């Protein structure tokens, strides 16, 4: 998956799931890893990272 696709998918997840989007991406990555699909898991980790960047720093 290209970087632009990752960010597009991350935005769509954020719109659909809001604050839960990061957890959903992490869950999908774990599911892929459990199934032995490291390539797909890596893509989900990239989506998770993009979501974290979109969210910005934590406000205390």
C-alpha atoms as a PDB file:
ATOM      1  CA  UNK A   1       0.000   0.000   0.000  1.00  0.00           C
ATOM      2  CA  UNK A   2       1.366   3.408  -0.923  1.00  0.00           C
ATOM      3  CA  UNK A   3       1.744   6.203   1.619  1.00  0.00           C
ATOM      4  CA  UNK A   4      -1.134   8.189   0.080  1.00  0.00           C
ATOM      5  CA  UNK A   5      -3.405   5.151   0.318  1.00  0.00           C
ATOM      6  CA  UNK A   6      -2.430   4.650   3.953  1.00  0.00           C
ATOM      7  CA  UNK A   7      -3.353   8.244   4.826  1.00  0.00           C
ATOM      8  CA  UNK A   8      -6.593   8.056   2.857  1.00  0.00           C
ATOM      9  CA  UNK A   9      -7.581   4.874   4.663  1.00  0.00           C
ATOM     10  CA  UNK A  10      -6.555   6.364   8.019  1.00  0.00           C
ATOM     11  CA  UNK A  11      -8.785   9.402   7.395  1.00  0.00           C
ATOM     12  CA  UNK A  12     -11.704   7.148   6.476  1.00  0.00           C
ATOM     13  CA  UNK A  13     -11.226   5.089   9.636  1.00  0.00           C
ATOM     14  CA  UNK A  14     -11.057   8.264  11.733  1.00  0.00           C
ATOM     15  CA  UNK A  15     -14.296   9.537  10.194  1.00  0.00           C
ATOM     16  CA  UNK A  16     -16.043   6.214  10.797  1.00  0.00           C
ATOM     17  CA  UNK A  17     -14.699   5.340  14.235  1.00  0.00           C
ATOM     18  CA  UNK A  18     -13.380   8.560  15.763  1.00  0.00           C
ATOM     19  CA  UNK A  19     -11.112   7.952  18.748  1.00  0.00           C
ATOM     20  CA  UNK A  20     -11.600   4.183  18.387  1.00  0.00           C
ATOM     21  CA  UNK A  21      -9.889   4.157  14.966  1.00  0.00           C
ATOM     22  CA  UNK A  22      -6.391   3.666  16.395  1.00  0.00           C
ATOM     23  CA  UNK A  23      -7.517   0.722  18.496  1.00  0.00           C
ATOM     24  CA  UNK A  24      -9.302  -0.800  15.495  1.00  0.00           C
ATOM     25  CA  UNK A  25      -6.166  -0.537  13.334  1.00  0.00           C
ATOM     26  CA  UNK A  26      -4.043  -2.079  16.101  1.00  0.00           C
ATOM     27  CA  UNK A  27      -6.562  -4.904  16.518  1.00  0.00           C
ATOM     28  CA  UNK A  28      -6.512  -5.665  12.777  1.00  0.00           C
ATOM     29  CA  UNK A  29      -2.688  -5.698  12.842  1.00  0.00           C
ATOM     30  CA  UNK A  30      -2.734  -8.190  15.705  1.00  0.00           C
ATOM     31  CA  UNK A  31      -5.267 -10.374  13.906  1.00  0.00           C
ATOM     32  CA  UNK A  32      -3.104 -10.426  10.781  1.00  0.00           C
ATOM     33  CA  UNK A  33      -0.011 -11.268  12.830  1.00  0.00           C
ATOM     34  CA  UNK A  34      -1.878 -14.116  14.531  1.00  0.00           C
ATOM     35  CA  UNK A  35      -2.795 -15.469  11.088  1.00  0.00           C
ATOM     36  CA  UNK A  36       0.836 -15.232   9.971  1.00  0.00           C
ATOM     37  CA  UNK A  37       0.206 -12.429   7.477  1.00  0.00           C
ATOM     38  CA  UNK A  38       3.086 -10.143   8.381  1.00  0.00           C
ATOM     39  CA  UNK A  39       2.762  -8.028   5.225  1.00  0.00           C
ATOM     40  CA  UNK A  40      -0.866  -7.131   5.927  1.00  0.00           C
ATOM     41  CA  UNK A  41      -0.044  -6.597   9.612  1.00  0.00           C
ATOM     42  CA  UNK A  42       2.694  -4.160   8.617  1.00  0.00           C
ATOM     43  CA  UNK A  43       0.225  -2.173   6.510  1.00  0.00           C
ATOM     44  CA  UNK A  44      -2.185  -1.965   9.438  1.00  0.00           C
ATOM     45  CA  UNK A  45       0.685  -0.749  11.644  1.00  0.00           C
ATOM     46  CA  UNK A  46       1.357   2.002   9.105  1.00  0.00           C
ATOM     47  CA  UNK A  47      -2.329   2.963   9.213  1.00  0.00           C
ATOM     48  CA  UNK A  48      -2.150   2.979  13.021  1.00  0.00           C
ATOM     49  CA  UNK A  49       0.906   5.277  12.908  1.00  0.00           C
ATOM     50  CA  UNK A  50      -0.842   7.622  10.454  1.00  0.00           C
ATOM     51  CA  UNK A  51      -3.852   7.791  12.784  1.00  0.00           C
ATOM     52  CA  UNK A  52      -1.596   8.651  15.722  1.00  0.00           C
ATOM     53  CA  UNK A  53      -0.023  11.485  13.713  1.00  0.00           C
ATOM     54  CA  UNK A  54      -3.472  12.772  12.732  1.00  0.00           C
ATOM     55  CA  UNK A  55      -4.581  12.741  16.354  1.00  0.00           C
ATOM     56  CA  UNK A  56      -1.600  14.828  17.445  1.00  0.00           C
ATOM     57  CA  UNK A  57       0.016  14.898  20.879  1.00  0.00           C
ATOM     58  CA  UNK A  58      -1.911  13.936  23.971  1.00  0.00           C
ATOM     59  CA  UNK A  59      -3.384  16.808  25.907  1.00  0.00           C
ATOM     60  CA  UNK A  60      -3.022  16.269  29.644  1.00  0.00           C
END
